[in-house]
PDB file of all heavy atoms in Angstrom:
ATOM      1  N   ALA A   1     273.718 -46.617 317.124  1.00  0.00           N
ATOM      2  CA  ALA A   1     273.640 -48.064 317.287  1.00  0.00           C
ATOM      3  C   ALA A   1     272.245 -48.510 317.716  1.00  0.00           C
ATOM      4  O   ALA A   1     271.809 -49.620 317.370  1.00  0.00           O
ATOM      5  CB  ALA A   1     274.673 -48.532 318.307  1.00  0.00           C
ATOM      6  N   ILE A   2     271.563 -47.679 318.466  1.00  0.00           N
ATOM      7  CA  ILE A   2     270.191 -48.028 318.880  1.00  0.00           C
ATOM      8  C   ILE A   2     269.263 -48.046 317.680  1.00  0.00           C
ATOM      9  O   ILE A   2     268.351 -48.879 317.595  1.00  0.00           O
ATOM     10  CB  ILE A   2     269.695 -47.043 319.952  1.00  0.00           C
ATOM     11  CG1 ILE A   2     270.511 -47.236 321.237  1.00  0.00           C
ATOM     12  CG2 ILE A   2     268.214 -47.213 320.234  1.00  0.00           C
ATOM     13  CD1 ILE A   2     270.182 -46.254 322.337  1.00  0.00           C
ATOM     14  N   GLY A   3     269.479 -47.143 316.734  1.00  0.00           N
ATOM     15  CA  GLY A   3     268.706 -47.181 315.505  1.00  0.00           C
ATOM     16  C   GLY A   3     267.595 -46.155 315.454  1.00  0.00           C
ATOM     17  O   GLY A   3     267.288 -45.484 316.444  1.00  0.00           O
ATOM     18  N   PRO A   4     266.964 -46.025 314.279  1.00  0.00           N
ATOM     19  CA  PRO A   4     265.952 -44.986 314.083  1.00  0.00           C
ATOM     20  C   PRO A   4     264.688 -45.186 314.910  1.00  0.00           C
ATOM     21  O   PRO A   4     263.944 -44.231 315.137  1.00  0.00           O
ATOM     22  CB  PRO A   4     265.649 -45.076 312.579  1.00  0.00           C
ATOM     23  CG  PRO A   4     266.025 -46.475 312.206  1.00  0.00           C
ATOM     24  CD  PRO A   4     267.196 -46.829 313.070  1.00  0.00           C
ATOM     25  N   GLU A   5     264.433 -46.411 315.340  1.00  0.00           N
ATOM     26  CA  GLU A   5     263.232 -46.651 316.139  1.00  0.00           C
ATOM     27  C   GLU A   5     263.380 -46.162 317.572  1.00  0.00           C
ATOM     28  O   GLU A   5     262.400 -46.097 318.317  1.00  0.00           O
ATOM     29  CB  GLU A   5     262.881 -48.138 316.126  1.00  0.00           C
ATOM     30  CG  GLU A   5     262.518 -48.666 314.738  1.00  0.00           C
ATOM     31  CD  GLU A   5     262.122 -50.122 314.771  1.00  0.00           C
ATOM     32  OE1 GLU A   5     262.180 -50.714 315.874  1.00  0.00           O
ATOM     33  OE2 GLU A   5     261.772 -50.665 313.718  1.00  0.00           O
ATOM     34  N   GLY A   6     264.607 -45.859 317.978  1.00  0.00           N
ATOM     35  CA  GLY A   6     264.831 -45.318 319.309  1.00  0.00           C
ATOM     36  C   GLY A   6     264.813 -46.330 320.421  1.00  0.00           C
ATOM     37  O   GLY A   6     264.800 -45.952 321.598  1.00  0.00           O
ATOM     38  N   GLN A   7     264.864 -47.613 320.074  1.00  0.00           N
ATOM     39  CA  GLN A   7     264.834 -48.648 321.110  1.00  0.00           C
ATOM     40  C   GLN A   7     265.548 -49.888 320.583  1.00  0.00           C
ATOM     41  O   GLN A   7     265.397 -50.267 319.425  1.00  0.00           O
ATOM     42  CB  GLN A   7     263.398 -49.003 321.494  1.00  0.00           C
ATOM     43  CG  GLN A   7     263.286 -49.876 322.746  1.00  0.00           C
ATOM     44  CD  GLN A   7     261.837 -50.084 323.150  1.00  0.00           C
ATOM     45  OE1 GLN A   7     261.012 -50.505 322.348  1.00  0.00           O
ATOM     46  NE2 GLN A   7     261.519 -49.756 324.403  1.00  0.00           N
ATOM     47  N   SER A   8     266.326 -50.503 321.452  1.00  0.00           N
ATOM     48  CA  SER A   8     267.087 -51.677 321.030  1.00  0.00           C
ATOM     49  C   SER A   8     267.562 -52.430 322.270  1.00  0.00           C
ATOM     50  O   SER A   8     267.602 -51.889 323.381  1.00  0.00           O
ATOM     51  CB  SER A   8     268.283 -51.271 320.175  1.00  0.00           C
ATOM     52  OG  SER A   8     269.101 -52.389 319.867  1.00  0.00           O
ATOM     53  N   ARG A   9     267.928 -53.680 322.056  1.00  0.00           N
ATOM     54  CA  ARG A   9     268.564 -54.440 323.124  1.00  0.00           C
ATOM     55  C   ARG A   9     269.915 -53.811 323.453  1.00  0.00           C
ATOM     56  O   ARG A   9     270.594 -53.268 322.579  1.00  0.00           O
ATOM     57  CB  ARG A   9     268.775 -55.893 322.695  1.00  0.00           C
ATOM     58  CG  ARG A   9     267.526 -56.629 322.260  1.00  0.00           C
ATOM     59  CD  ARG A   9     266.654 -57.035 323.410  1.00  0.00           C
ATOM     60  NE  ARG A   9     267.360 -57.870 324.381  1.00  0.00           N
ATOM     61  CZ  ARG A   9     266.774 -58.354 325.490  1.00  0.00           C
ATOM     62  NH1 ARG A   9     265.507 -58.048 325.748  1.00  0.00           N
ATOM     63  NH2 ARG A   9     267.437 -59.108 326.322  1.00  0.00           N
ATOM     64  N   ILE A  10     270.324 -53.889 324.715  1.00  0.00           N
ATOM     65  CA  ILE A  10     271.567 -53.248 325.150  1.00  0.00           C
ATOM     66  C   ILE A  10     272.794 -53.979 324.603  1.00  0.00           C
ATOM     67  O   ILE A  10     273.769 -53.343 324.203  1.00  0.00           O
ATOM     68  CB  ILE A  10     271.614 -53.178 326.686  1.00  0.00           C
ATOM     69  CG1 ILE A  10     270.568 -52.185 327.193  1.00  0.00           C
ATOM     70  CG2 ILE A  10     273.000 -52.768 327.172  1.00  0.00           C
ATOM     71  CD1 ILE A  10     270.487 -52.099 328.698  1.00  0.00           C
ATOM     72  N   ALA A  11     272.763 -55.302 324.557  1.00  0.00           N
ATOM     73  CA  ALA A  11     273.945 -56.064 324.150  1.00  0.00           C
ATOM     74  C   ALA A  11     274.427 -55.694 322.742  1.00  0.00           C
ATOM     75  O   ALA A  11     275.619 -55.401 322.560  1.00  0.00           O
ATOM     76  CB  ALA A  11     273.669 -57.568 324.252  1.00  0.00           C
ATOM     77  N   PRO A  12     273.570 -55.683 321.718  1.00  0.00           N
ATOM     78  CA  PRO A  12     274.070 -55.278 320.390  1.00  0.00           C
ATOM     79  C   PRO A  12     274.468 -53.808 320.320  1.00  0.00           C
ATOM     80  O   PRO A  12     275.364 -53.447 319.555  1.00  0.00           O
ATOM     81  CB  PRO A  12     272.896 -55.588 319.455  1.00  0.00           C
ATOM     82  CG  PRO A  12     271.694 -55.655 320.328  1.00  0.00           C
ATOM     83  CD  PRO A  12     272.177 -56.163 321.638  1.00  0.00           C
ATOM     84  N   VAL A  13     273.815 -52.962 321.104  1.00  0.00           N
ATOM     85  CA  VAL A  13     274.203 -51.545 321.137  1.00  0.00           C
ATOM     86  C   VAL A  13     275.611 -51.412 321.694  1.00  0.00           C
ATOM     87  O   VAL A  13     276.450 -50.680 321.146  1.00  0.00           O
ATOM     88  CB  VAL A  13     273.199 -50.727 321.977  1.00  0.00           C
ATOM     89  CG1 VAL A  13     273.706 -49.307 322.189  1.00  0.00           C
ATOM     90  CG2 VAL A  13     271.843 -50.706 321.303  1.00  0.00           C
ATOM     91  N   ARG A  14     275.878 -52.104 322.779  1.00  0.00           N
ATOM     92  CA  ARG A  14     277.212 -52.043 323.375  1.00  0.00           C
ATOM     93  C   ARG A  14     278.272 -52.550 322.396  1.00  0.00           C
ATOM     94  O   ARG A  14     279.345 -51.962 322.255  1.00  0.00           O
ATOM     95  CB  ARG A  14     277.233 -52.861 324.661  1.00  0.00           C
ATOM     96  CG  ARG A  14     278.598 -52.966 325.318  1.00  0.00           C
ATOM     97  CD  ARG A  14     278.498 -53.640 326.675  1.00  0.00           C
ATOM     98  NE  ARG A  14     277.727 -54.872 326.624  1.00  0.00           N
ATOM     99  CZ  ARG A  14     277.367 -55.581 327.693  1.00  0.00           C
ATOM    100  NH1 ARG A  14     277.691 -55.145 328.900  1.00  0.00           N
ATOM    101  NH2 ARG A  14     276.684 -56.695 327.570  1.00  0.00           N
ATOM    102  N   GLN A  15     277.979 -53.641 321.709  1.00  0.00           N
ATOM    103  CA  GLN A  15     278.930 -54.208 320.760  1.00  0.00           C
ATOM    104  C   GLN A  15     279.182 -53.263 319.594  1.00  0.00           C
ATOM    105  O   GLN A  15     280.326 -53.057 319.185  1.00  0.00           O
ATOM    106  CB  GLN A  15     278.402 -55.548 320.241  1.00  0.00           C
ATOM    107  CG  GLN A  15     279.342 -56.257 319.286  1.00  0.00           C
ATOM    108  CD  GLN A  15     278.804 -57.602 318.854  1.00  0.00           C
ATOM    109  OE1 GLN A  15     277.706 -58.006 319.241  1.00  0.00           O
ATOM    110  NE2 GLN A  15     279.565 -58.309 318.050  1.00  0.00           N
ATOM    111  N   SER A  16     278.120 -52.673 319.066  1.00  0.00           N
ATOM    112  CA  SER A  16     278.266 -51.763 317.931  1.00  0.00           C
ATOM    113  C   SER A  16     278.990 -50.484 318.332  1.00  0.00           C
ATOM    114  O   SER A  16     279.878 -49.999 317.615  1.00  0.00           O
ATOM    115  CB  SER A  16     276.889 -51.434 317.353  1.00  0.00           C
ATOM    116  OG  SER A  16     276.995 -50.512 316.290  1.00  0.00           O
ATOM    117  N   ALA A  17     278.645 -49.926 319.492  1.00  0.00           N
ATOM    118  CA  ALA A  17     279.290 -48.698 319.954  1.00  0.00           C
ATOM    119  C   ALA A  17     280.767 -48.930 320.259  1.00  0.00           C
ATOM    120  O   ALA A  17     281.607 -48.050 320.046  1.00  0.00           O
ATOM    121  CB  ALA A  17     278.564 -48.155 321.184  1.00  0.00           C
ATOM    122  N   ALA A  18     281.110 -50.115 320.770  1.00  0.00           N
ATOM    123  CA  ALA A  18     282.510 -50.412 321.073  1.00  0.00           C
ATOM    124  C   ALA A  18     283.367 -50.473 319.808  1.00  0.00           C
ATOM    125  O   ALA A  18     284.575 -50.230 319.866  1.00  0.00           O
ATOM    126  CB  ALA A  18     282.606 -51.728 321.838  1.00  0.00           C
ATOM    127  N   ALA A  19     282.751 -50.798 318.686  1.00  0.00           N
ATOM    128  CA  ALA A  19     283.489 -50.892 317.427  1.00  0.00           C
ATOM    129  C   ALA A  19     283.426 -49.610 316.610  1.00  0.00           C
ATOM    130  O   ALA A  19     283.893 -49.588 315.467  1.00  0.00           O
ATOM    131  CB  ALA A  19     282.939 -52.057 316.600  1.00  0.00           C
ATOM    132  N   ALA A  20     282.890 -48.549 317.169  1.00  0.00           N
ATOM    133  CA  ALA A  20     282.709 -47.304 316.427  1.00  0.00           C
ATOM    134  C   ALA A  20     284.050 -46.620 316.158  1.00  0.00           C
ATOM    135  O   ALA A  20     285.042 -46.844 316.865  1.00  0.00           O
ATOM    136  CB  ALA A  20     281.793 -46.359 317.205  1.00  0.00           C
ATOM    137  N   GLU A  21     284.051 -45.773 315.151  1.00  0.00           N
ATOM    138  CA  GLU A  21     285.267 -45.046 314.777  1.00  0.00           C
ATOM    139  C   GLU A  21     285.753 -44.137 315.898  1.00  0.00           C
ATOM    140  O   GLU A  21     286.954 -43.952 316.090  1.00  0.00           O
ATOM    141  CB  GLU A  21     284.993 -44.223 313.520  1.00  0.00           C
ATOM    142  CG  GLU A  21     286.175 -43.417 313.027  1.00  0.00           C
ATOM    143  CD  GLU A  21     287.345 -44.290 312.600  1.00  0.00           C
ATOM    144  OE1 GLU A  21     287.107 -45.464 312.241  1.00  0.00           O
ATOM    145  OE2 GLU A  21     288.492 -43.795 312.631  1.00  0.00           O
ATOM    146  N   SER A  22     284.821 -43.563 316.664  1.00  0.00           N
ATOM    147  CA  SER A  22     285.215 -42.676 317.753  1.00  0.00           C
ATOM    148  C   SER A  22     286.031 -43.405 318.811  1.00  0.00           C
ATOM    149  O   SER A  22     286.973 -42.843 319.381  1.00  0.00           O
ATOM    150  CB  SER A  22     283.967 -42.059 318.391  1.00  0.00           C
ATOM    151  OG  SER A  22     283.076 -43.070 318.833  1.00  0.00           O
ATOM    152  N   VAL A  23     285.703 -44.667 319.059  1.00  0.00           N
ATOM    153  CA  VAL A  23     286.471 -45.447 320.029  1.00  0.00           C
ATOM    154  C   VAL A  23     287.845 -45.792 319.471  1.00  0.00           C
ATOM    155  O   VAL A  23     288.854 -45.750 320.192  1.00  0.00           O
ATOM    156  CB  VAL A  23     285.695 -46.726 320.421  1.00  0.00           C
ATOM    157  CG1 VAL A  23     286.513 -47.567 321.390  1.00  0.00           C
ATOM    158  CG2 VAL A  23     284.361 -46.363 321.048  1.00  0.00           C
ATOM    159  N   ARG A  24     287.905 -46.114 318.179  1.00  0.00           N
ATOM    160  CA  ARG A  24     289.213 -46.402 317.573  1.00  0.00           C
ATOM    161  C   ARG A  24     290.120 -45.176 317.604  1.00  0.00           C
ATOM    162  O   ARG A  24     291.320 -45.284 317.846  1.00  0.00           O
ATOM    163  CB  ARG A  24     289.018 -46.892 316.133  1.00  0.00           C
ATOM    164  CG  ARG A  24     288.456 -48.304 316.030  1.00  0.00           C
ATOM    165  CD  ARG A  24     288.590 -48.836 314.617  1.00  0.00           C
ATOM    166  NE  ARG A  24     287.718 -48.131 313.699  1.00  0.00           N
ATOM    167  CZ  ARG A  24     286.478 -48.503 313.415  1.00  0.00           C
ATOM    168  NH1 ARG A  24     285.957 -49.574 314.019  1.00  0.00           N
ATOM    169  NH2 ARG A  24     285.742 -47.832 312.548  1.00  0.00           N
ATOM    170  N   GLN A  25     289.553 -44.011 317.356  1.00  0.00           N
ATOM    171  CA  GLN A  25     290.353 -42.787 317.427  1.00  0.00           C
ATOM    172  C   GLN A  25     290.835 -42.528 318.850  1.00  0.00           C
ATOM    173  O   GLN A  25     291.965 -42.090 319.061  1.00  0.00           O
ATOM    174  CB  GLN A  25     289.531 -41.609 316.913  1.00  0.00           C
ATOM    175  CG  GLN A  25     289.226 -41.673 315.427  1.00  0.00           C
ATOM    176  CD  GLN A  25     288.328 -40.547 314.962  1.00  0.00           C
ATOM    177  OE1 GLN A  25     287.853 -39.736 315.768  1.00  0.00           O
ATOM    178  NE2 GLN A  25     288.072 -40.478 313.665  1.00  0.00           N
ATOM    179  N   LEU A  26     289.979 -42.803 319.832  1.00  0.00           N
ATOM    180  CA  LEU A  26     290.383 -42.659 321.230  1.00  0.00           C
ATOM    181  C   LEU A  26     291.551 -43.590 321.546  1.00  0.00           C
ATOM    182  O   LEU A  26     292.529 -43.186 322.195  1.00  0.00           O
ATOM    183  CB  LEU A  26     289.194 -42.971 322.142  1.00  0.00           C
ATOM    184  CG  LEU A  26     289.486 -43.053 323.643  1.00  0.00           C
ATOM    185  CD1 LEU A  26     289.889 -41.681 324.183  1.00  0.00           C
ATOM    186  CD2 LEU A  26     288.258 -43.573 324.399  1.00  0.00           C
ATOM    187  N   ALA A  27     291.472 -44.836 321.071  1.00  0.00           N
ATOM    188  CA  ALA A  27     292.546 -45.793 321.296  1.00  0.00           C
ATOM    189  C   ALA A  27     293.847 -45.312 320.650  1.00  0.00           C
ATOM    190  O   ALA A  27     294.919 -45.408 321.261  1.00  0.00           O
ATOM    191  CB  ALA A  27     292.153 -47.159 320.748  1.00  0.00           C
ATOM    192  N   ASP A  28     293.759 -44.791 319.439  1.00  0.00           N
ATOM    193  CA  ASP A  28     294.965 -44.309 318.751  1.00  0.00           C
ATOM    194  C   ASP A  28     295.614 -43.159 319.514  1.00  0.00           C
ATOM    195  O   ASP A  28     296.844 -43.086 319.622  1.00  0.00           O
ATOM    196  CB  ASP A  28     294.607 -43.860 317.333  1.00  0.00           C
ATOM    197  CG  ASP A  28     294.210 -45.025 316.433  1.00  0.00           C
ATOM    198  OD1 ASP A  28     294.551 -46.170 316.772  1.00  0.00           O
ATOM    199  OD2 ASP A  28     293.546 -44.781 315.409  1.00  0.00           O
ATOM    200  N   ARG A  29     294.787 -42.269 320.054  1.00  0.00           N
ATOM    201  CA  ARG A  29     295.351 -41.138 320.812  1.00  0.00           C
ATOM    202  C   ARG A  29     296.050 -41.630 322.077  1.00  0.00           C
ATOM    203  O   ARG A  29     297.123 -41.120 322.437  1.00  0.00           O
ATOM    204  CB  ARG A  29     294.240 -40.144 321.167  1.00  0.00           C
ATOM    205  CG  ARG A  29     293.686 -39.378 319.966  1.00  0.00           C
ATOM    206  CD  ARG A  29     292.871 -38.180 320.423  1.00  0.00           C
ATOM    207  NE  ARG A  29     291.719 -38.559 321.241  1.00  0.00           N
ATOM    208  CZ  ARG A  29     290.510 -38.831 320.758  1.00  0.00           C
ATOM    209  NH1 ARG A  29     290.294 -38.771 319.444  1.00  0.00           N
ATOM    210  NH2 ARG A  29     289.512 -39.146 321.562  1.00  0.00           N
ATOM    211  N   LEU A  30     295.465 -42.588 322.742  1.00  0.00           N
ATOM    212  CA  LEU A  30     296.075 -43.105 323.968  1.00  0.00           C
ATOM    213  C   LEU A  30     297.368 -43.854 323.680  1.00  0.00           C
ATOM    214  O   LEU A  30     298.337 -43.771 324.442  1.00  0.00           O
ATOM    215  CB  LEU A  30     295.075 -44.017 324.696  1.00  0.00           C
ATOM    216  CG  LEU A  30     293.883 -43.306 325.341  1.00  0.00           C
ATOM    217  CD1 LEU A  30     292.865 -44.321 325.852  1.00  0.00           C
ATOM    218  CD2 LEU A  30     294.338 -42.405 326.482  1.00  0.00           C
ATOM    219  N   VAL A  31     297.385 -44.603 322.577  1.00  0.00           N
ATOM    220  CA  VAL A  31     298.616 -45.295 322.200  1.00  0.00           C
ATOM    221  C   VAL A  31     299.710 -44.292 321.863  1.00  0.00           C
ATOM    222  O   VAL A  31     300.866 -44.424 322.276  1.00  0.00           O
ATOM    223  CB  VAL A  31     298.351 -46.241 321.003  1.00  0.00           C
ATOM    224  CG1 VAL A  31     299.672 -46.781 320.449  1.00  0.00           C
ATOM    225  CG2 VAL A  31     297.453 -47.396 321.436  1.00  0.00           C
ATOM    226  N   ALA A  32     299.347 -43.252 321.116  1.00  0.00           N
ATOM    227  CA  ALA A  32     300.329 -42.230 320.747  1.00  0.00           C
ATOM    228  C   ALA A  32     300.867 -41.501 321.972  1.00  0.00           C
ATOM    229  O   ALA A  32     302.026 -41.067 321.983  1.00  0.00           O
ATOM    230  CB  ALA A  32     299.697 -41.229 319.775  1.00  0.00           C
ATOM    231  N   ALA A  33     300.054 -41.359 323.002  1.00  0.00           N
ATOM    232  CA  ALA A  33     300.491 -40.694 324.232  1.00  0.00           C
ATOM    233  C   ALA A  33     301.260 -41.624 325.159  1.00  0.00           C
ATOM    234  O   ALA A  33     301.730 -41.200 326.217  1.00  0.00           O
ATOM    235  CB  ALA A  33     299.279 -40.116 324.966  1.00  0.00           C
ATOM    236  N   GLY A  34     301.385 -42.902 324.781  1.00  0.00           N
ATOM    237  CA  GLY A  34     302.103 -43.848 325.625  1.00  0.00           C
ATOM    238  C   GLY A  34     301.301 -44.358 326.804  1.00  0.00           C
ATOM    239  O   GLY A  34     301.864 -44.936 327.735  1.00  0.00           O
ATOM    240  N   LEU A  35     299.983 -44.170 326.789  1.00  0.00           N
ATOM    241  CA  LEU A  35     299.139 -44.581 327.912  1.00  0.00           C
ATOM    242  C   LEU A  35     298.450 -45.917 327.690  1.00  0.00           C
ATOM    243  O   LEU A  35     298.052 -46.576 328.649  1.00  0.00           O
ATOM    244  CB  LEU A  35     298.077 -43.503 328.185  1.00  0.00           C
ATOM    245  CG  LEU A  35     298.624 -42.115 328.524  1.00  0.00           C
ATOM    246  CD1 LEU A  35     297.472 -41.130 328.697  1.00  0.00           C
ATOM    247  CD2 LEU A  35     299.489 -42.168 329.773  1.00  0.00           C
ATOM    248  N   ALA A  36     298.292 -46.318 326.431  1.00  0.00           N
ATOM    249  CA  ALA A  36     297.638 -47.578 326.108  1.00  0.00           C
ATOM    250  C   ALA A  36     298.617 -48.496 325.399  1.00  0.00           C
ATOM    251  O   ALA A  36     299.582 -48.045 324.772  1.00  0.00           O
ATOM    252  CB  ALA A  36     296.399 -47.340 325.230  1.00  0.00           C
ATOM    253  N   VAL A  37     298.362 -49.789 325.498  1.00  0.00           N
ATOM    254  CA  VAL A  37     299.214 -50.786 324.857  1.00  0.00           C
ATOM    255  C   VAL A  37     298.784 -50.932 323.404  1.00  0.00           C
ATOM    256  O   VAL A  37     297.594 -51.088 323.124  1.00  0.00           O
ATOM    257  CB  VAL A  37     299.089 -52.140 325.589  1.00  0.00           C
ATOM    258  CG1 VAL A  37     299.975 -53.187 324.938  1.00  0.00           C
ATOM    259  CG2 VAL A  37     299.437 -51.976 327.059  1.00  0.00           C
ATOM    260  N   PRO A  38     299.712 -50.897 322.447  1.00  0.00           N
ATOM    261  CA  PRO A  38     299.338 -51.079 321.038  1.00  0.00           C
ATOM    262  C   PRO A  38     298.690 -52.430 320.798  1.00  0.00           C
ATOM    263  O   PRO A  38     298.870 -53.382 321.565  1.00  0.00           O
ATOM    264  CB  PRO A  38     300.681 -50.972 320.301  1.00  0.00           C
ATOM    265  CG  PRO A  38     301.576 -50.233 321.237  1.00  0.00           C
ATOM    266  CD  PRO A  38     301.141 -50.612 322.618  1.00  0.00           C
ATOM    267  N   ASP A  39     297.943 -52.512 319.706  1.00  0.00           N
ATOM    268  CA  ASP A  39     297.204 -53.739 319.398  1.00  0.00           C
ATOM    269  C   ASP A  39     298.108 -54.958 319.349  1.00  0.00           C
ATOM    270  O   ASP A  39     297.762 -56.018 319.849  1.00  0.00           O
ATOM    271  CB  ASP A  39     296.495 -53.599 318.041  1.00  0.00           C
ATOM    272  CG  ASP A  39     295.270 -52.705 318.142  1.00  0.00           C
ATOM    273  OD1 ASP A  39     294.699 -52.624 319.235  1.00  0.00           O
ATOM    274  OD2 ASP A  39     294.896 -52.091 317.126  1.00  0.00           O
ATOM    275  N   GLY A  40     299.279 -54.821 318.763  1.00  0.00           N
ATOM    276  CA  GLY A  40     300.146 -55.968 318.594  1.00  0.00           C
ATOM    277  C   GLY A  40     300.655 -56.559 319.889  1.00  0.00           C
ATOM    278  O   GLY A  40     301.044 -57.724 319.934  1.00  0.00           O
ATOM    279  N   THR A  41     300.660 -55.779 320.977  1.00  0.00           N
ATOM    280  CA  THR A  41     301.189 -56.272 322.250  1.00  0.00           C
ATOM    281  C   THR A  41     300.155 -56.208 323.355  1.00  0.00           C
ATOM    282  O   THR A  41     300.483 -56.300 324.523  1.00  0.00           O
ATOM    283  CB  THR A  41     302.418 -55.439 322.679  1.00  0.00           C
ATOM    284  OG1 THR A  41     302.020 -54.070 322.797  1.00  0.00           O
ATOM    285  CG2 THR A  41     303.530 -55.557 321.663  1.00  0.00           C
ATOM    286  N   ARG A  42     298.870 -56.071 322.980  1.00  0.00           N
ATOM    287  CA  ARG A  42     297.855 -55.791 323.988  1.00  0.00           C
ATOM    288  C   ARG A  42     297.708 -56.906 325.019  1.00  0.00           C
ATOM    289  O   ARG A  42     297.494 -56.659 326.181  1.00  0.00           O
ATOM    290  CB  ARG A  42     296.513 -55.529 323.292  1.00  0.00           C
ATOM    291  CG  ARG A  42     295.396 -55.151 324.222  1.00  0.00           C
ATOM    292  CD  ARG A  42     294.372 -54.307 323.514  1.00  0.00           C
ATOM    293  NE  ARG A  42     294.880 -52.974 323.256  1.00  0.00           N
ATOM    294  CZ  ARG A  42     294.458 -52.203 322.265  1.00  0.00           C
ATOM    295  NH1 ARG A  42     293.556 -52.634 321.419  1.00  0.00           N
ATOM    296  NH2 ARG A  42     294.966 -50.995 322.104  1.00  0.00           N
TER     297      ARG A  42
END
């Protein structure tokens, strides 16, 4: 998210990293384990 230049504003980095596939997979694992609330009832 920071990019090839190695420097970026923090706000867009945080937004891009929060939408990454790794975070979505983490959410799916937590929902499957019964620890997180599914999207429809969040």
